[in-house]
Amino acid sequence: MAGETLTRADLAEVVYEEVGLSRNESSELVESILSMISETLIAGTSVKISSFGTFAVRQKSERIGRNPKTGDEVPISPRRVLTFKASQILKQKIDGSWDGSLEEEE
């Protein structure tokens, strides 16, 4: 799957194959989970998925940036940004050093 993108349809297909729900039910389940995650983040609450990672919304304050072409200073307005911190287990799996045990993470 290197170089490809995992889509909602792909997730629904995996739920269909692994869980045995109908394709419509699988799609609705995936949509429901993604909607719940989105609504929770919009409300400002973190979402932690065990052995995967934590999604959080962070407030960034106003700051001064620079236009790289002209060097002019430009104010960057305050905003909320989404952050993701991978769990140690996910990091180890990506690195290829995961031993398969589910120890307590951070």
N, C-alpha and C. Protein backbone atom coordinates (compact mmCIF):
# COMPACT_ATOMS: atom_id res chain seq x y z
N MET A 1 0.81 -1.19 0.00
CA MET A 1 0.00 0.00 0.00
C MET A 1 0.86 1.26 0.00
N ALA A 2 2.13 1.13 -0.13
CA ALA A 2 3.03 2.29 -0.13
C ALA A 2 2.66 3.25 -1.25
N GLY A 3 2.58 4.54 -0.90
CA GLY A 3 2.27 5.55 -1.89
C GLY A 3 0.79 5.77 -2.12
N GLU A 4 -0.07 4.96 -1.53
CA GLU A 4 -1.50 5.11 -1.69
C GLU A 4 -2.08 5.84 -0.48
N THR A 5 -3.33 6.24 -0.60
CA THR A 5 -4.03 6.91 0.48
C THR A 5 -5.17 6.03 0.97
N LEU A 6 -5.29 5.90 2.28
CA LEU A 6 -6.39 5.15 2.87
C LEU A 6 -7.61 6.07 2.92
N THR A 7 -8.73 5.63 2.35
CA THR A 7 -9.92 6.46 2.27
C THR A 7 -11.02 5.93 3.20
N ARG A 8 -12.08 6.72 3.33
CA ARG A 8 -13.25 6.27 4.10
C ARG A 8 -13.81 4.99 3.51
N ALA A 9 -13.85 4.92 2.20
CA ALA A 9 -14.36 3.72 1.53
C ALA A 9 -13.50 2.50 1.87
N ASP A 10 -12.17 2.70 1.94
CA ASP A 10 -11.28 1.60 2.30
C ASP A 10 -11.56 1.13 3.73
N LEU A 11 -11.76 2.09 4.64
CA LEU A 11 -12.06 1.73 6.03
C LEU A 11 -13.37 0.97 6.11
N ALA A 12 -14.40 1.44 5.39
CA ALA A 12 -15.69 0.77 5.39
C ALA A 12 -15.57 -0.65 4.83
N GLU A 13 -14.75 -0.81 3.80
CA GLU A 13 -14.54 -2.14 3.20
C GLU A 13 -13.88 -3.09 4.20
N VAL A 14 -12.91 -2.59 4.96
CA VAL A 14 -12.25 -3.43 5.97
C VAL A 14 -13.25 -3.83 7.06
N VAL A 15 -14.08 -2.90 7.50
CA VAL A 15 -15.11 -3.22 8.49
C VAL A 15 -16.06 -4.27 7.93
N TYR A 16 -16.45 -4.11 6.67
CA TYR A 16 -17.33 -5.08 6.01
C TYR A 16 -16.71 -6.47 6.01
N GLU A 17 -15.43 -6.55 5.66
CA GLU A 17 -14.76 -7.86 5.55
C GLU A 17 -14.46 -8.47 6.90
N GLU A 18 -14.01 -7.65 7.85
CA GLU A 18 -13.57 -8.17 9.15
C GLU A 18 -14.71 -8.40 10.14
N VAL A 19 -15.69 -7.50 10.16
CA VAL A 19 -16.75 -7.56 11.16
C VAL A 19 -17.97 -8.29 10.64
N GLY A 20 -18.22 -8.19 9.36
CA GLY A 20 -19.35 -8.90 8.77
C GLY A 20 -20.63 -8.08 8.70
N LEU A 21 -20.54 -6.78 8.96
CA LEU A 21 -21.70 -5.92 8.76
C LEU A 21 -21.93 -5.75 7.26
N SER A 22 -23.12 -5.29 6.89
CA SER A 22 -23.36 -5.02 5.47
C SER A 22 -22.49 -3.84 5.05
N ARG A 23 -22.36 -3.65 3.75
CA ARG A 23 -21.56 -2.52 3.26
C ARG A 23 -22.14 -1.19 3.73
N ASN A 24 -23.47 -1.05 3.70
CA ASN A 24 -24.11 0.18 4.16
C ASN A 24 -23.87 0.40 5.65
N GLU A 25 -24.05 -0.64 6.44
CA GLU A 25 -23.82 -0.53 7.88
C GLU A 25 -22.36 -0.21 8.18
N SER A 26 -21.46 -0.81 7.45
CA SER A 26 -20.03 -0.56 7.63
C SER A 26 -19.70 0.90 7.32
N SER A 27 -20.26 1.41 6.24
CA SER A 27 -20.05 2.79 5.86
C SER A 27 -20.62 3.74 6.91
N GLU A 28 -21.82 3.44 7.39
CA GLU A 28 -22.44 4.26 8.43
C GLU A 28 -21.62 4.24 9.72
N LEU A 29 -21.07 3.09 10.08
CA LEU A 29 -20.25 2.98 11.28
C LEU A 29 -19.00 3.84 11.17
N VAL A 30 -18.31 3.76 10.04
CA VAL A 30 -17.10 4.56 9.82
C VAL A 30 -17.45 6.05 9.87
N GLU A 31 -18.54 6.46 9.20
CA GLU A 31 -18.97 7.86 9.21
C GLU A 31 -19.30 8.31 10.63
N SER A 32 -19.95 7.46 11.38
CA SER A 32 -20.33 7.79 12.76
C SER A 32 -19.10 8.00 13.64
N ILE A 33 -18.12 7.13 13.51
CA ILE A 33 -16.89 7.25 14.30
C ILE A 33 -16.13 8.52 13.92
N LEU A 34 -15.97 8.76 12.63
CA LEU A 34 -15.26 9.96 12.19
C LEU A 34 -16.00 11.23 12.60
N SER A 35 -17.31 11.20 12.55
CA SER A 35 -18.11 12.35 12.97
C SER A 35 -17.94 12.61 14.46
N MET A 36 -17.95 11.55 15.26
CA MET A 36 -17.78 11.69 16.70
C MET A 36 -16.40 12.27 17.03
N ILE A 37 -15.37 11.79 16.35
CA ILE A 37 -14.02 12.31 16.56
C ILE A 37 -13.96 13.79 16.18
N SER A 38 -14.54 14.14 15.03
CA SER A 38 -14.54 15.54 14.57
C SER A 38 -15.26 16.45 15.55
N GLU A 39 -16.45 16.05 15.98
CA GLU A 39 -17.23 16.87 16.91
C GLU A 39 -16.50 17.06 18.24
N THR A 40 -15.85 16.02 18.71
CA THR A 40 -15.10 16.10 19.97
C THR A 40 -13.95 17.08 19.84
N LEU A 41 -13.23 17.02 18.72
CA LEU A 41 -12.11 17.94 18.50
C LEU A 41 -12.59 19.38 18.34
N ILE A 42 -13.69 19.59 17.63
CA ILE A 42 -14.25 20.93 17.45
C ILE A 42 -14.62 21.53 18.80
N ALA A 43 -15.10 20.68 19.72
CA ALA A 43 -15.46 21.14 21.06
C ALA A 43 -14.23 21.44 21.92
N GLY A 44 -13.04 21.10 21.42
CA GLY A 44 -11.81 21.40 22.15
C GLY A 44 -11.31 20.28 23.05
N THR A 45 -11.90 19.10 22.94
CA THR A 45 -11.51 17.96 23.76
C THR A 45 -10.55 17.07 22.96
N SER A 46 -9.54 16.54 23.63
CA SER A 46 -8.59 15.63 22.98
C SER A 46 -9.23 14.28 22.72
N VAL A 47 -8.72 13.58 21.71
CA VAL A 47 -9.18 12.23 21.39
C VAL A 47 -7.97 11.31 21.45
N LYS A 48 -8.02 10.34 22.37
CA LYS A 48 -6.92 9.38 22.51
C LYS A 48 -7.40 8.01 22.04
N ILE A 49 -6.66 7.44 21.10
CA ILE A 49 -6.95 6.10 20.61
C ILE A 49 -5.79 5.23 21.06
N SER A 50 -6.08 4.33 22.00
CA SER A 50 -5.05 3.51 22.62
C SER A 50 -4.22 2.77 21.57
N SER A 51 -2.93 2.73 21.76
CA SER A 51 -1.96 2.07 20.87
C SER A 51 -1.85 2.74 19.51
N PHE A 52 -2.48 3.91 19.34
CA PHE A 52 -2.40 4.65 18.08
C PHE A 52 -1.85 6.05 18.31
N GLY A 53 -2.57 6.86 19.07
CA GLY A 53 -2.09 8.20 19.34
C GLY A 53 -3.17 9.12 19.87
N THR A 54 -2.81 10.39 20.02
CA THR A 54 -3.72 11.39 20.56
C THR A 54 -3.85 12.56 19.60
N PHE A 55 -5.10 12.92 19.30
CA PHE A 55 -5.41 14.11 18.52
C PHE A 55 -5.81 15.19 19.51
N ALA A 56 -5.31 16.40 19.31
CA ALA A 56 -5.66 17.51 20.19
C ALA A 56 -5.74 18.80 19.39
N VAL A 57 -6.52 19.73 19.89
CA VAL A 57 -6.62 21.04 19.28
C VAL A 57 -5.82 21.99 20.16
N ARG A 58 -4.96 22.78 19.53
CA ARG A 58 -4.09 23.70 20.25
C ARG A 58 -4.35 25.11 19.76
N GLN A 59 -4.36 26.06 20.68
CA GLN A 59 -4.54 27.46 20.33
C GLN A 59 -3.18 28.08 20.05
N LYS A 60 -3.02 28.66 18.89
CA LYS A 60 -1.79 29.37 18.56
C LYS A 60 -2.08 30.86 18.64
N SER A 61 -1.20 31.60 19.30
CA SER A 61 -1.41 33.02 19.44
C SER A 61 -0.90 33.78 18.21
N GLU A 62 -1.26 35.06 18.15
CA GLU A 62 -0.82 35.88 17.03
C GLU A 62 0.69 36.01 17.05
N ARG A 63 1.27 36.03 15.88
CA ARG A 63 2.73 36.18 15.78
C ARG A 63 3.08 36.88 14.49
N ILE A 64 4.33 37.25 14.37
CA ILE A 64 4.81 37.91 13.16
C ILE A 64 5.55 36.88 12.31
N GLY A 65 5.17 36.82 11.03
CA GLY A 65 5.85 35.95 10.09
C GLY A 65 6.51 36.79 9.02
N ARG A 66 7.21 36.15 8.13
CA ARG A 66 7.87 36.87 7.03
C ARG A 66 7.48 36.27 5.70
N ASN A 67 7.28 37.15 4.73
CA ASN A 67 7.08 36.72 3.36
C ASN A 67 8.45 36.29 2.85
N PRO A 68 8.63 35.02 2.47
CA PRO A 68 9.96 34.55 2.05
C PRO A 68 10.50 35.24 0.79
N LYS A 69 9.61 35.72 -0.08
CA LYS A 69 10.08 36.38 -1.30
C LYS A 69 10.56 37.80 -1.03
N THR A 70 9.76 38.54 -0.27
CA THR A 70 10.08 39.96 -0.09
C THR A 70 10.76 40.27 1.24
N GLY A 71 10.61 39.37 2.21
CA GLY A 71 11.18 39.63 3.52
C GLY A 71 10.30 40.52 4.39
N ASP A 72 9.15 40.94 3.85
CA ASP A 72 8.23 41.79 4.60
C ASP A 72 7.66 41.03 5.79
N GLU A 73 7.52 41.74 6.93
CA GLU A 73 6.87 41.15 8.09
C GLU A 73 5.36 41.18 7.88
N VAL A 74 4.73 40.06 8.23
CA VAL A 74 3.29 39.92 8.06
C VAL A 74 2.71 39.34 9.35
N PRO A 75 1.65 39.95 9.89
CA PRO A 75 1.04 39.37 11.09
C PRO A 75 0.28 38.09 10.74
N ILE A 76 0.46 37.08 11.57
CA ILE A 76 -0.27 35.82 11.41
C ILE A 76 -1.30 35.80 12.53
N SER A 77 -2.56 35.71 12.17
CA SER A 77 -3.65 35.81 13.15
C SER A 77 -3.70 34.57 14.05
N PRO A 78 -4.26 34.74 15.25
CA PRO A 78 -4.39 33.58 16.15
C PRO A 78 -5.35 32.56 15.54
N ARG A 79 -5.11 31.31 15.83
CA ARG A 79 -5.97 30.26 15.27
C ARG A 79 -5.84 28.99 16.08
N ARG A 80 -6.76 28.09 15.85
CA ARG A 80 -6.70 26.76 16.48
C ARG A 80 -6.16 25.79 15.44
N VAL A 81 -5.27 24.91 15.87
CA VAL A 81 -4.68 23.93 14.96
C VAL A 81 -4.83 22.53 15.55
N LEU A 82 -4.94 21.56 14.67
CA LEU A 82 -5.03 20.16 15.08
C LEU A 82 -3.64 19.57 15.16
N THR A 83 -3.36 18.88 16.27
CA THR A 83 -2.07 18.21 16.41
C THR A 83 -2.31 16.72 16.62
N PHE A 84 -1.31 15.92 16.28
CA PHE A 84 -1.38 14.48 16.50
C PHE A 84 -0.06 14.04 17.10
N LYS A 85 -0.15 13.28 18.19
CA LYS A 85 1.05 12.71 18.80
C LYS A 85 0.88 11.19 18.76
N ALA A 86 1.76 10.53 18.04
CA ALA A 86 1.71 9.08 17.90
C ALA A 86 2.10 8.41 19.21
N SER A 87 1.47 7.27 19.50
CA SER A 87 1.83 6.50 20.69
C SER A 87 3.18 5.83 20.47
N GLN A 88 3.80 5.41 21.55
CA GLN A 88 5.08 4.70 21.45
C GLN A 88 4.92 3.42 20.65
N ILE A 89 3.79 2.74 20.82
CA ILE A 89 3.56 1.48 20.09
C ILE A 89 3.52 1.74 18.59
N LEU A 90 2.79 2.79 18.17
CA LEU A 90 2.73 3.12 16.75
C LEU A 90 4.10 3.52 16.22
N LYS A 91 4.84 4.31 17.00
CA LYS A 91 6.18 4.71 16.58
C LYS A 91 7.07 3.49 16.38
N GLN A 92 6.98 2.54 17.31
CA GLN A 92 7.80 1.33 17.21
C GLN A 92 7.38 0.47 16.02
N LYS A 93 6.08 0.40 15.76
CA LYS A 93 5.60 -0.37 14.60
C LYS A 93 6.12 0.25 13.30
N ILE A 94 6.07 1.57 13.21
CA ILE A 94 6.56 2.25 12.02
C ILE A 94 8.05 2.04 11.85
N ASP A 95 8.77 2.07 12.96
CA ASP A 95 10.22 1.90 12.95
C ASP A 95 10.61 0.44 12.69
N GLY A 96 9.68 -0.48 12.92
CA GLY A 96 9.98 -1.90 12.72
C GLY A 96 10.57 -2.57 13.94
N SER A 97 10.56 -1.88 15.09
CA SER A 97 11.16 -2.45 16.29
C SER A 97 10.13 -2.91 17.31
N TRP A 98 8.86 -2.99 16.92
CA TRP A 98 7.82 -3.39 17.85
C TRP A 98 7.91 -4.88 18.09
N ASP A 99 7.85 -5.31 19.37
CA ASP A 99 7.99 -6.73 19.70
C ASP A 99 6.65 -7.45 19.87
N GLY A 100 5.55 -6.73 19.70
CA GLY A 100 4.23 -7.36 19.78
C GLY A 100 3.59 -7.27 21.13
N SER A 101 4.31 -6.86 22.17
CA SER A 101 3.71 -6.77 23.49
C SER A 101 3.00 -5.44 23.66
N LEU A 102 1.91 -5.44 24.39
CA LEU A 102 1.15 -4.22 24.63
C LEU A 102 1.42 -3.73 26.04
N GLU A 103 2.55 -3.07 26.21
CA GLU A 103 2.91 -2.50 27.50
C GLU A 103 2.16 -1.21 27.68
N GLU A 104 2.12 -0.74 28.93
CA GLU A 104 1.49 0.55 29.23
C GLU A 104 2.23 1.64 28.51
N GLU A 105 1.48 2.49 27.77
CA GLU A 105 2.13 3.58 27.05
C GLU A 105 2.09 4.84 27.88
N GLU A 106 2.89 5.81 27.48
CA GLU A 106 3.09 7.08 28.13
C GLU A 106 1.99 7.48 29.03
